[in-house]
């Protein structure tokens, strides 16, 4: 990171360390096209909000493990996981939409992360993940959500929000949790995350789920609230089997 920061400054770019992750994330001043920054074509860096670090930090993937990023597109968290695994072990990145998978592949290609296995899987359908390993050491489940933590980036999300849609999302999130939980080995780690501020999708939802899945325990959770964290809004919980 320090070497890349030096390259930016020599190119006339004055990056500012982000307060949430000053050793890993920088804010680039306005007026610069991202593809023109030093190291872009070589895959030296990726562009994402620092909030994405929360879930990956809780997941804490290790070299040599078998890891699954279950709702991976567009690939920001998958890239962070692959970086921490250092090319050792197996990382599977899945999603259900062709266009999002193509963007995921493009991002991994630029970042030179060829070791990541990308597959199209619809987790709503029983048996869809049959081609994946039977058990994983760690699983990241970044579920579809109401997006209330990222309204500054997706302002249209406020017009899609309703009580009925929230109920549908919570039901889907429970299905996806069950699907992923069934593939986690004993002693493994499952991180559930959203970009939502709603307790119905976060703390309350997990407490209801844990009440019927006593083999899991909540080890730690992180809540990022934009005015305080200066990041996107996010929730992440580390569950251990």
Protein backbone atom coordinates (compact mmCIF):
# COMPACT_ATOMS: atom_id res chain seq x y z
CA UNK A 1 0.00 0.00 0.00
CA UNK A 2 2.73 2.49 0.87
CA UNK A 3 4.44 1.89 -2.47
CA UNK A 4 1.19 2.51 -4.37
CA UNK A 5 0.53 5.67 -2.36
CA UNK A 6 3.96 6.89 -3.45
CA UNK A 7 3.11 6.19 -7.10
CA UNK A 8 -0.06 8.26 -6.76
CA UNK A 9 1.79 11.22 -5.29
CA UNK A 10 4.47 11.10 -8.00
CA UNK A 11 1.63 11.20 -10.56
CA UNK A 12 0.24 14.35 -8.92
CA UNK A 13 -2.59 12.63 -7.06
CA UNK A 14 -2.96 13.50 -3.35
CA UNK A 15 -4.78 10.57 -1.68
CA UNK A 16 -6.30 10.94 1.78
CA UNK A 17 -6.37 7.93 4.14
CA UNK A 18 -9.94 6.99 5.03
CA UNK A 19 -10.56 7.22 8.81
CA UNK A 20 -12.28 3.82 8.98
CA UNK A 21 -9.33 1.95 7.43
CA UNK A 22 -6.38 4.36 7.06
CA UNK A 23 -3.88 1.59 6.28
CA UNK A 24 -6.01 0.02 3.54
CA UNK A 25 -8.25 2.66 1.97
CA UNK A 26 -7.65 6.06 0.41
CA UNK A 27 -10.01 8.72 -0.88
CA UNK A 28 -8.99 10.08 -4.29
CA UNK A 29 -9.70 13.78 -4.89
CA UNK A 30 -12.21 14.80 -7.59
CA UNK A 31 -11.05 15.25 -11.15
CA UNK A 32 -9.30 11.92 -11.70
CA UNK A 33 -10.61 9.15 -13.94
CA UNK A 34 -10.09 5.85 -12.14
CA UNK A 35 -8.62 4.00 -15.19
CA UNK A 36 -5.98 6.75 -15.47
CA UNK A 37 -4.64 6.17 -11.96
CA UNK A 38 -1.28 4.38 -11.63
CA UNK A 39 -1.72 0.63 -11.23
CA UNK A 40 -5.31 0.36 -12.50
CA UNK A 41 -4.54 -1.77 -15.58
CA UNK A 42 -2.18 -3.93 -13.53
CA UNK A 43 -4.84 -4.65 -10.90
CA UNK A 44 -2.95 -2.98 -8.07
CA UNK A 45 -6.11 -1.58 -6.46
CA UNK A 46 -9.88 -1.85 -6.49
CA UNK A 47 -12.58 0.78 -5.92
CA UNK A 48 -15.10 0.13 -3.16
CA UNK A 49 -16.47 1.63 0.02
CA UNK A 50 -14.46 0.84 3.18
CA UNK A 51 -17.61 -0.73 4.67
CA UNK A 52 -16.91 -3.83 2.56
CA UNK A 53 -13.97 -4.57 4.83
CA UNK A 54 -16.20 -5.25 7.85
CA UNK A 55 -17.57 -8.59 6.65
CA UNK A 56 -14.22 -9.84 5.35
CA UNK A 57 -12.48 -8.93 8.58
CA UNK A 58 -15.05 -10.97 10.51
CA UNK A 59 -14.70 -13.86 8.05
CA UNK A 60 -10.90 -13.81 8.51
CA UNK A 61 -10.13 -16.27 5.67
CA UNK A 62 -6.85 -18.14 5.93
CA UNK A 63 -4.51 -19.56 3.25
CA UNK A 64 -5.23 -23.21 2.52
CA UNK A 65 -8.91 -23.10 3.48
CA UNK A 66 -12.01 -23.81 1.39
CA UNK A 67 -14.11 -20.64 1.27
CA UNK A 68 -17.40 -19.69 -0.38
CA UNK A 69 -18.57 -16.17 -1.24
CA UNK A 70 -22.19 -17.06 -1.87
CA UNK A 71 -23.57 -13.79 -3.33
CA UNK A 72 -20.31 -12.53 -4.75
CA UNK A 73 -21.02 -10.12 -7.63
CA UNK A 74 -19.65 -7.60 -8.41
CA UNK A 75 -16.67 -9.07 -6.57
CA UNK A 76 -15.34 -6.50 -4.10
CA UNK A 77 -15.47 -8.82 -1.11
CA UNK A 78 -14.32 -11.84 -3.18
CA UNK A 79 -11.22 -9.87 -4.16
CA UNK A 80 -10.49 -9.02 -0.51
CA UNK A 81 -10.93 -12.68 0.47
CA UNK A 82 -8.63 -13.87 -2.32
CA UNK A 83 -6.01 -11.32 -1.27
CA UNK A 84 -6.03 -12.66 2.28
CA UNK A 85 -5.82 -16.28 1.08
CA UNK A 86 -2.67 -15.43 -0.90
CA UNK A 87 -3.38 -17.90 -3.72
CA UNK A 88 -3.53 -20.91 -1.39
CA UNK A 89 -6.70 -22.90 -0.80
CA UNK A 90 -9.96 -22.81 -2.75
CA UNK A 91 -12.28 -19.84 -3.12
CA UNK A 92 -15.68 -20.18 -4.82
CA UNK A 93 -17.58 -17.05 -5.87
CA UNK A 94 -21.20 -17.55 -6.96
CA UNK A 95 -24.17 -15.45 -8.03
CA UNK A 96 -27.42 -15.96 -9.96
CA UNK A 97 -27.38 -13.25 -12.67
CA UNK A 98 -25.35 -13.53 -15.88
CA UNK A 99 -24.66 -9.79 -16.18
CA UNK A 100 -23.44 -9.56 -12.58
CA UNK A 101 -21.28 -12.65 -13.04
CA UNK A 102 -19.66 -11.07 -16.10
CA UNK A 103 -18.81 -8.00 -14.07
CA UNK A 104 -17.43 -10.26 -11.34
CA UNK A 105 -15.21 -12.06 -13.87
CA UNK A 106 -14.02 -8.74 -15.34
CA UNK A 107 -13.02 -7.44 -11.91
CA UNK A 108 -11.20 -10.63 -10.95
CA UNK A 109 -9.43 -10.67 -14.32
CA UNK A 110 -8.13 -7.11 -13.90
CA UNK A 111 -7.01 -7.90 -10.35
CA UNK A 112 -5.21 -11.03 -11.63
CA UNK A 113 -7.12 -13.34 -9.28
CA UNK A 114 -7.37 -16.33 -11.59
CA UNK A 115 -7.48 -18.75 -8.66
CA UNK A 116 -11.10 -17.82 -7.84
CA UNK A 117 -13.69 -20.29 -9.16
CA UNK A 118 -16.77 -18.43 -10.47
CA UNK A 119 -20.08 -20.28 -10.88
CA UNK A 120 -23.68 -19.38 -11.62
CA UNK A 121 -25.90 -20.64 -8.79
CA UNK A 122 -29.42 -19.71 -7.71
CA UNK A 123 -29.41 -20.45 -3.99
CA UNK A 124 -33.19 -20.23 -3.81
CA UNK A 125 -33.45 -23.59 -5.59
CA UNK A 126 -32.72 -26.74 -3.53
CA UNK A 127 -29.76 -28.68 -4.88
CA UNK A 128 -28.43 -25.79 -6.97
CA UNK A 129 -25.08 -25.86 -5.14
CA UNK A 130 -24.53 -29.57 -5.76
CA UNK A 131 -21.34 -28.93 -7.76
CA UNK A 132 -19.68 -27.11 -4.87
CA UNK A 133 -17.66 -28.85 -2.13
CA UNK A 134 -19.77 -30.62 0.47
CA UNK A 135 -18.32 -28.52 3.31
CA UNK A 136 -16.60 -25.16 3.70
CA UNK A 137 -14.28 -23.76 6.34
CA UNK A 138 -15.76 -20.29 5.91
CA UNK A 139 -18.76 -18.84 4.09
CA UNK A 140 -19.61 -15.22 3.37
CA UNK A 141 -23.30 -14.56 2.73
CA UNK A 142 -23.84 -10.96 1.65
CA UNK A 143 -27.59 -11.20 1.15
CA UNK A 144 -29.92 -9.19 -1.10
CA UNK A 145 -31.38 -6.46 1.10
CA UNK A 146 -33.32 -3.19 1.17
CA UNK A 147 -30.15 -1.08 0.55
CA UNK A 148 -31.11 1.48 3.20
CA UNK A 149 -27.44 1.81 4.16
CA UNK A 150 -26.40 2.93 0.68
CA UNK A 151 -29.04 5.51 -0.24
CA UNK A 152 -26.32 8.03 -1.12
CA UNK A 153 -25.22 5.65 -3.89
CA UNK A 154 -28.64 4.19 -4.74
CA UNK A 155 -31.14 7.00 -4.10
CA UNK A 156 -33.85 5.12 -6.02
CA UNK A 157 -33.85 2.44 -3.28
CA UNK A 158 -36.03 4.69 -1.10
CA UNK A 159 -38.83 4.45 -3.67
CA UNK A 160 -38.64 0.65 -3.74
CA UNK A 161 -38.87 0.34 0.05
CA UNK A 162 -42.11 -0.94 1.56
CA UNK A 163 -43.26 -3.17 4.37
CA UNK A 164 -44.23 -5.92 1.93
CA UNK A 165 -40.89 -5.81 0.13
CA UNK A 166 -39.03 -5.88 3.44
CA UNK A 167 -40.99 -8.98 4.51
CA UNK A 168 -40.17 -10.69 1.18
CA UNK A 169 -36.48 -9.88 1.60
CA UNK A 170 -36.37 -11.21 5.16
CA UNK A 171 -37.98 -14.47 3.99
CA UNK A 172 -35.41 -14.78 1.19
CA UNK A 173 -32.55 -14.01 3.58
CA UNK A 174 -33.72 -16.85 5.84
CA UNK A 175 -33.76 -19.29 2.94
CA UNK A 176 -30.25 -18.29 1.87
CA UNK A 177 -28.98 -18.58 5.44
CA UNK A 178 -30.35 -22.11 5.71
CA UNK A 179 -28.79 -23.12 2.38
CA UNK A 180 -25.36 -21.83 3.34
CA UNK A 181 -25.49 -23.07 6.92
CA UNK A 182 -26.00 -26.63 5.68
CA UNK A 183 -22.61 -26.47 3.90
CA UNK A 184 -20.54 -25.17 6.82
CA UNK A 185 -18.29 -27.67 8.56
CA UNK A 186 -18.25 -28.13 12.32
CA UNK A 187 -16.21 -25.32 13.84
CA UNK A 188 -16.54 -23.27 10.66
CA UNK A 189 -17.37 -19.57 10.34
CA UNK A 190 -20.34 -18.08 8.49
CA UNK A 191 -20.55 -14.30 8.10
CA UNK A 192 -23.97 -12.85 7.35
CA UNK A 193 -23.90 -9.30 6.00
CA UNK A 194 -26.16 -6.62 4.53
CA UNK A 195 -25.95 -3.00 3.39
CA UNK A 196 -29.11 -2.29 5.36
CA UNK A 197 -29.81 -0.30 8.52
CA UNK A 198 -33.01 -2.22 9.28
CA UNK A 199 -33.03 -4.40 12.41
CA UNK A 200 -35.59 -6.65 10.68
CA UNK A 201 -32.84 -7.68 8.24
CA UNK A 202 -30.00 -7.60 10.75
CA UNK A 203 -30.02 -8.12 14.54
CA UNK A 204 -33.68 -9.11 14.94
CA UNK A 205 -33.57 -11.39 11.93
CA UNK A 206 -30.46 -13.22 13.16
CA UNK A 207 -31.84 -13.66 16.65
CA UNK A 208 -34.94 -15.34 15.23
CA UNK A 209 -32.80 -17.55 13.00
CA UNK A 210 -30.46 -18.54 15.83
CA UNK A 211 -33.43 -19.47 18.00
CA UNK A 212 -34.23 -22.31 15.61
CA UNK A 213 -30.60 -23.19 14.83
CA UNK A 214 -29.03 -23.84 18.26
CA UNK A 215 -25.95 -25.44 16.67
CA UNK A 216 -24.84 -21.91 15.70
CA UNK A 217 -23.76 -19.09 17.98
CA UNK A 218 -23.23 -15.41 17.34
CA UNK A 219 -19.61 -14.58 18.10
CA UNK A 220 -19.43 -10.93 17.03
CA UNK A 221 -21.31 -8.32 15.02
CA UNK A 222 -20.42 -4.98 13.45
CA UNK A 223 -22.83 -2.13 12.70
CA UNK A 224 -21.68 0.77 10.53
CA UNK A 225 -23.88 3.87 10.61
CA UNK A 226 -22.88 6.41 7.92
CA UNK A 227 -22.88 9.64 9.96
CA UNK A 228 -20.51 8.09 12.51
CA UNK A 229 -18.41 5.71 10.41
CA UNK A 230 -18.17 7.92 7.29
CA UNK A 231 -18.74 4.75 5.29
CA UNK A 232 -21.78 3.16 3.71
CA UNK A 233 -24.23 1.68 6.17
CA UNK A 234 -23.55 -2.00 6.78
CA UNK A 235 -24.17 -4.91 9.14
CA UNK A 236 -22.03 -8.02 9.52
CA UNK A 237 -22.30 -10.92 11.98
CA UNK A 238 -19.85 -13.74 12.59
CA UNK A 239 -21.59 -17.05 13.28
CA UNK A 240 -19.71 -20.16 14.42
CA UNK A 241 -21.03 -23.69 14.11
